[in-house]
Amino acid sequence: MGARISVRLQEPLLKQLNREARKRRIRRSDLVREALEAFLSGEVARVDSLPYERVRDLVGSLAGGPPDLGEQHRKYLWDLIGERR
């Protein structure tokens, strides 16, 4: 068994914790431990991380599409609107 710590939670967060633990049928301490492990291992995007860091694994994962979409996005948008009319 590891060390014990105490954490104070605001009421809304405590309610969410209780609800999720009941839904998953696990103890609150197990849920907190899972969440903390995921956060510290980097599995969960940190709030203070840069937007690029949150999606860097997606960059370059799609093939196709116009190569100049970033430069001519308005033209493509107007073409798309015209096709749907």
PDB file of N, CA and C in Angstrom:
ATOM      1  N   MET A   1       0.840  -1.172   0.000  1.00  0.00           N
ATOM      2  CA  MET A   1       0.000   0.000   0.000  1.00  0.00           C
ATOM      3  C   MET A   1       0.887   1.238   0.000  1.00  0.00           C
ATOM      4  N   GLY A   2       0.498   2.222  -0.761  1.00  0.00           N
ATOM      5  CA  GLY A   2       1.270   3.449  -0.874  1.00  0.00           C
ATOM      6  C   GLY A   2       0.954   4.443   0.222  1.00  0.00           C
ATOM      7  N   ALA A   3       1.510   5.617   0.072  1.00  0.00           N
ATOM      8  CA  ALA A   3       1.291   6.691   1.038  1.00  0.00           C
ATOM      9  C   ALA A   3      -0.113   7.256   0.874  1.00  0.00           C
ATOM     10  N   ARG A   4      -0.630   7.834   1.918  1.00  0.00           N
ATOM     11  CA  ARG A   4      -1.955   8.426   1.919  1.00  0.00           C
ATOM     12  C   ARG A   4      -1.819   9.940   1.876  1.00  0.00           C
ATOM     13  N   ILE A   5      -2.658  10.585   1.055  1.00  0.00           N
ATOM     14  CA  ILE A   5      -2.698  12.048   1.019  1.00  0.00           C
ATOM     15  C   ILE A   5      -4.149  12.487   1.145  1.00  0.00           C
ATOM     16  N   SER A   6      -4.345  13.733   1.487  1.00  0.00           N
ATOM     17  CA  SER A   6      -5.692  14.305   1.578  1.00  0.00           C
ATOM     18  C   SER A   6      -5.813  15.421   0.566  1.00  0.00           C
ATOM     19  N   VAL A   7      -6.968  15.501  -0.062  1.00  0.00           N
ATOM     20  CA  VAL A   7      -7.214  16.529  -1.057  1.00  0.00           C
ATOM     21  C   VAL A   7      -8.584  17.130  -0.779  1.00  0.00           C
ATOM     22  N   ARG A   8      -8.668  18.450  -0.801  1.00  0.00           N
ATOM     23  CA  ARG A   8      -9.964  19.116  -0.643  1.00  0.00           C
ATOM     24  C   ARG A   8     -10.523  19.429  -2.020  1.00  0.00           C
ATOM     25  N   LEU A   9     -11.792  19.093  -2.226  1.00  0.00           N
ATOM     26  CA  LEU A   9     -12.447  19.332  -3.504  1.00  0.00           C
ATOM     27  C   LEU A   9     -13.643  20.248  -3.323  1.00  0.00           C
ATOM     28  N   GLN A  10     -13.851  21.103  -4.297  1.00  0.00           N
ATOM     29  CA  GLN A  10     -15.058  21.922  -4.303  1.00  0.00           C
ATOM     30  C   GLN A  10     -16.253  20.999  -4.534  1.00  0.00           C
ATOM     31  N   GLU A  11     -17.408  21.399  -4.057  1.00  0.00           N
ATOM     32  CA  GLU A  11     -18.604  20.557  -4.130  1.00  0.00           C
ATOM     33  C   GLU A  11     -18.942  20.067  -5.546  1.00  0.00           C
ATOM     34  N   PRO A  12     -18.902  20.947  -6.564  1.00  0.00           N
ATOM     35  CA  PRO A  12     -19.231  20.449  -7.917  1.00  0.00           C
ATOM     36  C   PRO A  12     -18.284  19.344  -8.396  1.00  0.00           C
ATOM     37  N   LEU A  13     -17.007  19.485  -8.091  1.00  0.00           N
ATOM     38  CA  LEU A  13     -16.036  18.468  -8.499  1.00  0.00           C
ATOM     39  C   LEU A  13     -16.257  17.174  -7.729  1.00  0.00           C
ATOM     40  N   LEU A  14     -16.573  17.277  -6.457  1.00  0.00           N
ATOM     41  CA  LEU A  14     -16.848  16.095  -5.646  1.00  0.00           C
ATOM     42  C   LEU A  14     -18.074  15.352  -6.180  1.00  0.00           C
ATOM     43  N   LYS A  15     -19.096  16.089  -6.586  1.00  0.00           N
ATOM     44  CA  LYS A  15     -20.294  15.454  -7.149  1.00  0.00           C
ATOM     45  C   LYS A  15     -19.965  14.718  -8.442  1.00  0.00           C
ATOM     46  N   GLN A  16     -19.135  15.345  -9.289  1.00  0.00           N
ATOM     47  CA  GLN A  16     -18.718  14.682 -10.533  1.00  0.00           C
ATOM     48  C   GLN A  16     -17.928  13.412 -10.230  1.00  0.00           C
ATOM     49  N   LEU A  17     -17.042  13.493  -9.256  1.00  0.00           N
ATOM     50  CA  LEU A  17     -16.235  12.343  -8.865  1.00  0.00           C
ATOM     51  C   LEU A  17     -17.125  11.209  -8.370  1.00  0.00           C
ATOM     52  N   ASN A  18     -18.071  11.535  -7.505  1.00  0.00           N
ATOM     53  CA  ASN A  18     -18.984  10.521  -6.985  1.00  0.00           C
ATOM     54  C   ASN A  18     -19.805   9.885  -8.099  1.00  0.00           C
ATOM     55  N   ARG A  19     -20.314  10.714  -8.994  1.00  0.00           N
ATOM     56  CA  ARG A  19     -21.143  10.226 -10.097  1.00  0.00           C
ATOM     57  C   ARG A  19     -20.355   9.267 -10.999  1.00  0.00           C
ATOM     58  N   GLU A  20     -19.134   9.670 -11.355  1.00  0.00           N
ATOM     59  CA  GLU A  20     -18.306   8.843 -12.235  1.00  0.00           C
ATOM     60  C   GLU A  20     -17.896   7.541 -11.550  1.00  0.00           C
ATOM     61  N   ALA A  21     -17.556   7.608 -10.286  1.00  0.00           N
ATOM     62  CA  ALA A  21     -17.166   6.399  -9.554  1.00  0.00           C
ATOM     63  C   ALA A  21     -18.345   5.424  -9.468  1.00  0.00           C
ATOM     64  N   ARG A  22     -19.541   5.934  -9.204  1.00  0.00           N
ATOM     65  CA  ARG A  22     -20.723   5.064  -9.176  1.00  0.00           C
ATOM     66  C   ARG A  22     -20.982   4.443 -10.543  1.00  0.00           C
ATOM     67  N   LYS A  23     -20.878   5.276 -11.587  1.00  0.00           N
ATOM     68  CA  LYS A  23     -21.135   4.800 -12.940  1.00  0.00           C
ATOM     69  C   LYS A  23     -20.169   3.678 -13.320  1.00  0.00           C
ATOM     70  N   ARG A  24     -18.912   3.839 -12.954  1.00  0.00           N
ATOM     71  CA  ARG A  24     -17.890   2.835 -13.306  1.00  0.00           C
ATOM     72  C   ARG A  24     -17.781   1.722 -12.275  1.00  0.00           C
ATOM     73  N   ARG A  25     -18.499   1.884 -11.158  1.00  0.00           N
ATOM     74  CA  ARG A  25     -18.497   0.898 -10.060  1.00  0.00           C
ATOM     75  C   ARG A  25     -17.094   0.658  -9.514  1.00  0.00           C
ATOM     76  N   ILE A  26     -16.403   1.772  -9.263  1.00  0.00           N
ATOM     77  CA  ILE A  26     -15.085   1.702  -8.634  1.00  0.00           C
ATOM     78  C   ILE A  26     -15.038   2.686  -7.478  1.00  0.00           C
ATOM     79  N   ARG A  27     -14.057   2.537  -6.640  1.00  0.00           N
ATOM     80  CA  ARG A  27     -13.910   3.463  -5.514  1.00  0.00           C
ATOM     81  C   ARG A  27     -13.412   4.819  -6.013  1.00  0.00           C
ATOM     82  N   ARG A  28     -13.777   5.858  -5.276  1.00  0.00           N
ATOM     83  CA  ARG A  28     -13.332   7.210  -5.643  1.00  0.00           C
ATOM     84  C   ARG A  28     -11.818   7.290  -5.672  1.00  0.00           C
ATOM     85  N   SER A  29     -11.171   6.664  -4.711  1.00  0.00           N
ATOM     86  CA  SER A  29      -9.699   6.724  -4.660  1.00  0.00           C
ATOM     87  C   SER A  29      -9.082   6.078  -5.901  1.00  0.00           C
ATOM     88  N   ASP A  30      -9.692   5.001  -6.401  1.00  0.00           N
ATOM     89  CA  ASP A  30      -9.181   4.373  -7.619  1.00  0.00           C
ATOM     90  C   ASP A  30      -9.348   5.298  -8.824  1.00  0.00           C
ATOM     91  N   LEU A  31     -10.468   5.981  -8.880  1.00  0.00           N
ATOM     92  CA  LEU A  31     -10.715   6.912  -9.976  1.00  0.00           C
ATOM     93  C   LEU A  31      -9.734   8.086  -9.936  1.00  0.00           C
ATOM     94  N   VAL A  32      -9.503   8.625  -8.751  1.00  0.00           N
ATOM     95  CA  VAL A  32      -8.544   9.726  -8.603  1.00  0.00           C
ATOM     96  C   VAL A  32      -7.149   9.244  -8.992  1.00  0.00           C
ATOM     97  N   ARG A  33      -6.784   8.046  -8.574  1.00  0.00           N
ATOM     98  CA  ARG A  33      -5.476   7.494  -8.903  1.00  0.00           C
ATOM     99  C   ARG A  33      -5.321   7.324 -10.420  1.00  0.00           C
ATOM    100  N   GLU A  34      -6.352   6.782 -11.090  1.00  0.00           N
ATOM    101  CA  GLU A  34      -6.312   6.622 -12.544  1.00  0.00           C
ATOM    102  C   GLU A  34      -6.145   7.964 -13.249  1.00  0.00           C
ATOM    103  N   ALA A  35      -6.932   8.950 -12.812  1.00  0.00           N
ATOM    104  CA  ALA A  35      -6.879  10.264 -13.441  1.00  0.00           C
ATOM    105  C   ALA A  35      -5.516  10.917 -13.237  1.00  0.00           C
ATOM    106  N   LEU A  36      -4.967  10.796 -12.064  1.00  0.00           N
ATOM    107  CA  LEU A  36      -3.664  11.385 -11.765  1.00  0.00           C
ATOM    108  C   LEU A  36      -2.563  10.698 -12.574  1.00  0.00           C
ATOM    109  N   GLU A  37      -2.621   9.383 -12.672  1.00  0.00           N
ATOM    110  CA  GLU A  37      -1.623   8.655 -13.465  1.00  0.00           C
ATOM    111  C   GLU A  37      -1.701   9.058 -14.936  1.00  0.00           C
ATOM    112  N   ALA A  38      -2.922   9.177 -15.473  1.00  0.00           N
ATOM    113  CA  ALA A  38      -3.093   9.569 -16.878  1.00  0.00           C
ATOM    114  C   ALA A  38      -2.554  10.976 -17.103  1.00  0.00           C
ATOM    115  N   PHE A  39      -2.831  11.886 -16.189  1.00  0.00           N
ATOM    116  CA  PHE A  39      -2.369  13.268 -16.320  1.00  0.00           C
ATOM    117  C   PHE A  39      -0.848  13.348 -16.262  1.00  0.00           C
ATOM    118  N   LEU A  40      -0.248  12.689 -15.298  1.00  0.00           N
ATOM    119  CA  LEU A  40       1.205  12.775 -15.121  1.00  0.00           C
ATOM    120  C   LEU A  40       1.972  12.048 -16.212  1.00  0.00           C
ATOM    121  N   SER A  41       1.370  11.038 -16.832  1.00  0.00           N
ATOM    122  CA  SER A  41       2.052  10.313 -17.906  1.00  0.00           C
ATOM    123  C   SER A  41       1.930  11.034 -19.241  1.00  0.00           C
ATOM    124  N   GLY A  42       1.115  12.097 -19.286  1.00  0.00           N
ATOM    125  CA  GLY A  42       0.958  12.852 -20.520  1.00  0.00           C
ATOM    126  C   GLY A  42      -0.165  12.342 -21.407  1.00  0.00           C
ATOM    127  N   GLU A  43      -0.926  11.332 -20.950  1.00  0.00           N
ATOM    128  CA  GLU A  43      -2.037  10.804 -21.744  1.00  0.00           C
ATOM    129  C   GLU A  43      -3.146  11.847 -21.900  1.00  0.00           C
ATOM    130  N   VAL A  44      -3.257  12.719 -20.928  1.00  0.00           N
ATOM    131  CA  VAL A  44      -4.304  13.731 -20.939  1.00  0.00           C
ATOM    132  C   VAL A  44      -3.663  15.072 -21.263  1.00  0.00           C
ATOM    133  N   ALA A  45      -4.258  15.813 -22.201  1.00  0.00           N
ATOM    134  CA  ALA A  45      -3.713  17.128 -22.568  1.00  0.00           C
ATOM    135  C   ALA A  45      -3.836  18.078 -21.382  1.00  0.00           C
ATOM    136  N   ARG A  46      -2.763  18.733 -21.081  1.00  0.00           N
ATOM    137  CA  ARG A  46      -2.788  19.695 -19.979  1.00  0.00           C
ATOM    138  C   ARG A  46      -3.411  20.996 -20.444  1.00  0.00           C
ATOM    139  N   VAL A  47      -4.094  21.656 -19.540  1.00  0.00           N
ATOM    140  CA  VAL A  47      -4.783  22.899 -19.860  1.00  0.00           C
ATOM    141  C   VAL A  47      -3.803  23.972 -20.303  1.00  0.00           C
ATOM    142  N   ASP A  48      -2.617  23.985 -19.728  1.00  0.00           N
ATOM    143  CA  ASP A  48      -1.644  25.024 -20.057  1.00  0.00           C
ATOM    144  C   ASP A  48      -0.777  24.662 -21.259  1.00  0.00           C
ATOM    145  N   SER A  49      -1.065  23.547 -21.925  1.00  0.00           N
ATOM    146  CA  SER A  49      -0.267  23.178 -23.082  1.00  0.00           C
ATOM    147  C   SER A  49      -0.655  24.023 -24.290  1.00  0.00           C
ATOM    148  N   LEU A  50       0.266  24.141 -25.217  1.00  0.00           N
ATOM    149  CA  LEU A  50       0.004  24.893 -26.437  1.00  0.00           C
ATOM    150  C   LEU A  50      -0.971  24.118 -27.314  1.00  0.00           C
ATOM    151  N   PRO A  51      -1.789  24.820 -28.098  1.00  0.00           N
ATOM    152  CA  PRO A  51      -2.733  24.115 -28.981  1.00  0.00           C
ATOM    153  C   PRO A  51      -2.041  23.094 -29.877  1.00  0.00           C
ATOM    154  N   TYR A  52      -0.868  23.433 -30.397  1.00  0.00           N
ATOM    155  CA  TYR A  52      -0.144  22.491 -31.255  1.00  0.00           C
ATOM    156  C   TYR A  52       0.184  21.198 -30.503  1.00  0.00           C
ATOM    157  N   GLU A  53       0.575  21.313 -29.245  1.00  0.00           N
ATOM    158  CA  GLU A  53       0.927  20.128 -28.467  1.00  0.00           C
ATOM    159  C   GLU A  53      -0.269  19.198 -28.300  1.00  0.00           C
ATOM    160  N   ARG A  54      -1.476  19.752 -28.295  1.00  0.00           N
ATOM    161  CA  ARG A  54      -2.671  18.936 -28.125  1.00  0.00           C
ATOM    162  C   ARG A  54      -3.006  18.136 -29.378  1.00  0.00           C
ATOM    163  N   VAL A  55      -2.585  18.614 -30.546  1.00  0.00           N
ATOM    164  CA  VAL A  55      -2.958  17.943 -31.794  1.00  0.00           C
ATOM    165  C   VAL A  55      -1.753  17.490 -32.615  1.00  0.00           C
ATOM    166  N   ARG A  56      -0.574  17.538 -32.057  1.00  0.00           N
ATOM    167  CA  ARG A  56       0.621  17.239 -32.852  1.00  0.00           C
ATOM    168  C   ARG A  56       0.603  15.836 -33.431  1.00  0.00           C
ATOM    169  N   ASP A  57      -0.052  14.884 -32.777  1.00  0.00           N
ATOM    170  CA  ASP A  57      -0.108  13.539 -33.333  1.00  0.00           C
ATOM    171  C   ASP A  57      -1.053  13.449 -34.526  1.00  0.00           C
ATOM    172  N   LEU A  58      -1.889  14.464 -34.733  1.00  0.00           N
ATOM    173  CA  LEU A  58      -2.800  14.474 -35.872  1.00  0.00           C
ATOM    174  C   LEU A  58      -2.205  15.160 -37.099  1.00  0.00           C
ATOM    175  N   VAL A  59      -1.210  16.015 -36.890  1.00  0.00           N
ATOM    176  CA  VAL A  59      -0.619  16.764 -37.991  1.00  0.00           C
ATOM    177  C   VAL A  59       0.003  15.798 -38.993  1.00  0.00           C
ATOM    178  N   GLY A  60      -0.424  15.926 -40.245  1.00  0.00           N
ATOM    179  CA  GLY A  60       0.090  15.082 -41.302  1.00  0.00           C
ATOM    180  C   GLY A  60      -0.559  13.712 -41.377  1.00  0.00           C
ATOM    181  N   SER A  61      -1.598  13.483 -40.579  1.00  0.00           N
ATOM    182  CA  SER A  61      -2.209  12.159 -40.573  1.00  0.00           C
ATOM    183  C   SER A  61      -3.249  11.973 -41.672  1.00  0.00           C
ATOM    184  N   LEU A  62      -3.641  13.045 -42.345  1.00  0.00           N
ATOM    185  CA  LEU A  62      -4.616  12.950 -43.426  1.00  0.00           C
ATOM    186  C   LEU A  62      -3.948  13.233 -44.761  1.00  0.00           C
ATOM    187  N   ALA A  63      -4.325  12.462 -45.736  1.00  0.00           N
ATOM    188  CA  ALA A  63      -3.812  12.679 -47.077  1.00  0.00           C
ATOM    189  C   ALA A  63      -4.932  13.248 -47.935  1.00  0.00           C
ATOM    190  N   GLY A  64      -4.567  14.025 -48.930  1.00  0.00           N
ATOM    191  CA  GLY A  64      -5.566  14.566 -49.839  1.00  0.00           C
ATOM    192  C   GLY A  64      -5.946  15.982 -49.477  1.00  0.00           C
ATOM    193  N   GLY A  65      -6.897  16.502 -50.230  1.00  0.00           N
ATOM    194  CA  GLY A  65      -7.318  17.876 -50.016  1.00  0.00           C
ATOM    195  C   GLY A  65      -6.444  18.816 -50.801  1.00  0.00           C
ATOM    196  N   PRO A  66      -6.923  20.016 -51.028  1.00  0.00           N
ATOM    197  CA  PRO A  66      -6.134  20.977 -51.801  1.00  0.00           C
ATOM    198  C   PRO A  66      -4.880  21.405 -51.047  1.00  0.00           C
ATOM    199  N   PRO A  67      -3.753  21.442 -51.714  1.00  0.00           N
ATOM    200  CA  PRO A  67      -2.516  21.801 -51.038  1.00  0.00           C
ATOM    201  C   PRO A  67      -2.454  23.274 -50.627  1.00  0.00           C
ATOM    202  N   ASP A  68      -3.273  24.121 -51.261  1.00  0.00           N
ATOM    203  CA  ASP A  68      -3.248  25.550 -50.950  1.00  0.00           C
ATOM    204  C   ASP A  68      -4.482  25.987 -50.164  1.00  0.00           C
ATOM    205  N   LEU A  69      -5.094  25.073 -49.431  1.00  0.00           N
ATOM    206  CA  LEU A  69      -6.310  25.391 -48.686  1.00  0.00           C
ATOM    207  C   LEU A  69      -6.096  26.535 -47.695  1.00  0.00           C
ATOM    208  N   GLY A  70      -4.960  26.577 -47.064  1.00  0.00           N
ATOM    209  CA  GLY A  70      -4.689  27.644 -46.106  1.00  0.00           C
ATOM    210  C   GLY A  70      -4.629  29.012 -46.753  1.00  0.00           C
ATOM    211  N   GLU A  71      -4.176  29.060 -47.985  1.00  0.00           N
ATOM    212  CA  GLU A  71      -4.044  30.338 -48.688  1.00  0.00           C
ATOM    213  C   GLU A  71      -5.328  30.735 -49.405  1.00  0.00           C
ATOM    214  N   GLN A  72      -6.067  29.758 -49.919  1.00  0.00           N
ATOM    215  CA  GLN A  72      -7.251  30.072 -50.725  1.00  0.00           C
ATOM    216  C   GLN A  72      -8.532  29.498 -50.116  1.00  0.00           C
ATOM    217  N   HIS A  73      -8.611  29.511 -48.798  1.00  0.00           N
ATOM    218  CA  HIS A  73      -9.773  28.925 -48.141  1.00  0.00           C
ATOM    219  C   HIS A  73     -11.083  29.606 -48.528  1.00  0.00           C
ATOM    220  N   ARG A  74     -11.062  30.918 -48.757  1.00  0.00           N
ATOM    221  CA  ARG A  74     -12.295  31.615 -49.138  1.00  0.00           C
ATOM    222  C   ARG A  74     -12.803  31.149 -50.496  1.00  0.00           C
ATOM    223  N   LYS A  75     -11.900  30.967 -51.438  1.00  0.00           N
ATOM    224  CA  LYS A  75     -12.296  30.500 -52.768  1.00  0.00           C
ATOM    225  C   LYS A  75     -12.961  29.133 -52.664  1.00  0.00           C
ATOM    226  N   TYR A  76     -12.355  28.215 -51.895  1.00  0.00           N
ATOM    227  CA  TYR A  76     -12.923  26.883 -51.746  1.00  0.00           C
ATOM    228  C   TYR A  76     -14.267  26.936 -51.027  1.00  0.00           C
ATOM    229  N   LEU A  77     -14.390  27.813 -50.050  1.00  0.00           N
ATOM    230  CA  LEU A  77     -15.648  27.949 -49.329  1.00  0.00           C
ATOM    231  C   LEU A  77     -16.748  28.460 -50.249  1.00  0.00           C
ATOM    232  N   TRP A  78     -16.458  29.484 -51.046  1.00  0.00           N
ATOM    233  CA  TRP A  78     -17.457  30.012 -51.977  1.00  0.00           C
ATOM    234  C   TRP A  78     -17.824  28.983 -53.041  1.00  0.00           C
ATOM    235  N   ASP A  79     -16.859  28.216 -53.504  1.00  0.00           N
ATOM    236  CA  ASP A  79     -17.148  27.152 -54.466  1.00  0.00           C
ATOM    237  C   ASP A  79     -18.094  26.113 -53.853  1.00  0.00           C
ATOM    238  N   LEU A  80     -17.844  25.774 -52.604  1.00  0.00           N
ATOM    239  CA  LEU A  80     -18.683  24.799 -51.911  1.00  0.00           C
ATOM    240  C   LEU A  80     -20.104  25.339 -51.730  1.00  0.00           C
ATOM    241  N   ILE A  81     -20.221  26.606 -51.349  1.00  0.00           N
ATOM    242  CA  ILE A  81     -21.551  27.217 -51.174  1.00  0.00           C
ATOM    243  C   ILE A  81     -22.286  27.239 -52.511  1.00  0.00           C
ATOM    244  N   GLY A  82     -21.582  27.576 -53.584  1.00  0.00           N
ATOM    245  CA  GLY A  82     -22.193  27.612 -54.908  1.00  0.00           C
ATOM    246  C   GLY A  82     -22.694  26.246 -55.353  1.00  0.00           C
ATOM    247  N   GLU A  83     -21.990  25.188 -55.010  1.00  0.00           N
ATOM    248  CA  GLU A  83     -22.398  23.836 -55.388  1.00  0.00           C
ATOM    249  C   GLU A  83     -23.669  23.416 -54.664  1.00  0.00           C
ATOM    250  N   ARG A  84     -23.887  23.911 -53.477  1.00  0.00           N
ATOM    251  CA  ARG A  84     -25.045  23.491 -52.666  1.00  0.00           C
ATOM    252  C   ARG A  84     -26.302  24.300 -52.965  1.00  0.00           C
ATOM    253  N   ARG A  85     -26.184  25.346 -53.767  1.00  0.00           N
ATOM    254  CA  ARG A  85     -27.377  26.154 -54.086  1.00  0.00           C
ATOM    255  C   ARG A  85     -28.151  25.562 -55.200  1.00  0.00           C
TER     256      ARG A  85
END
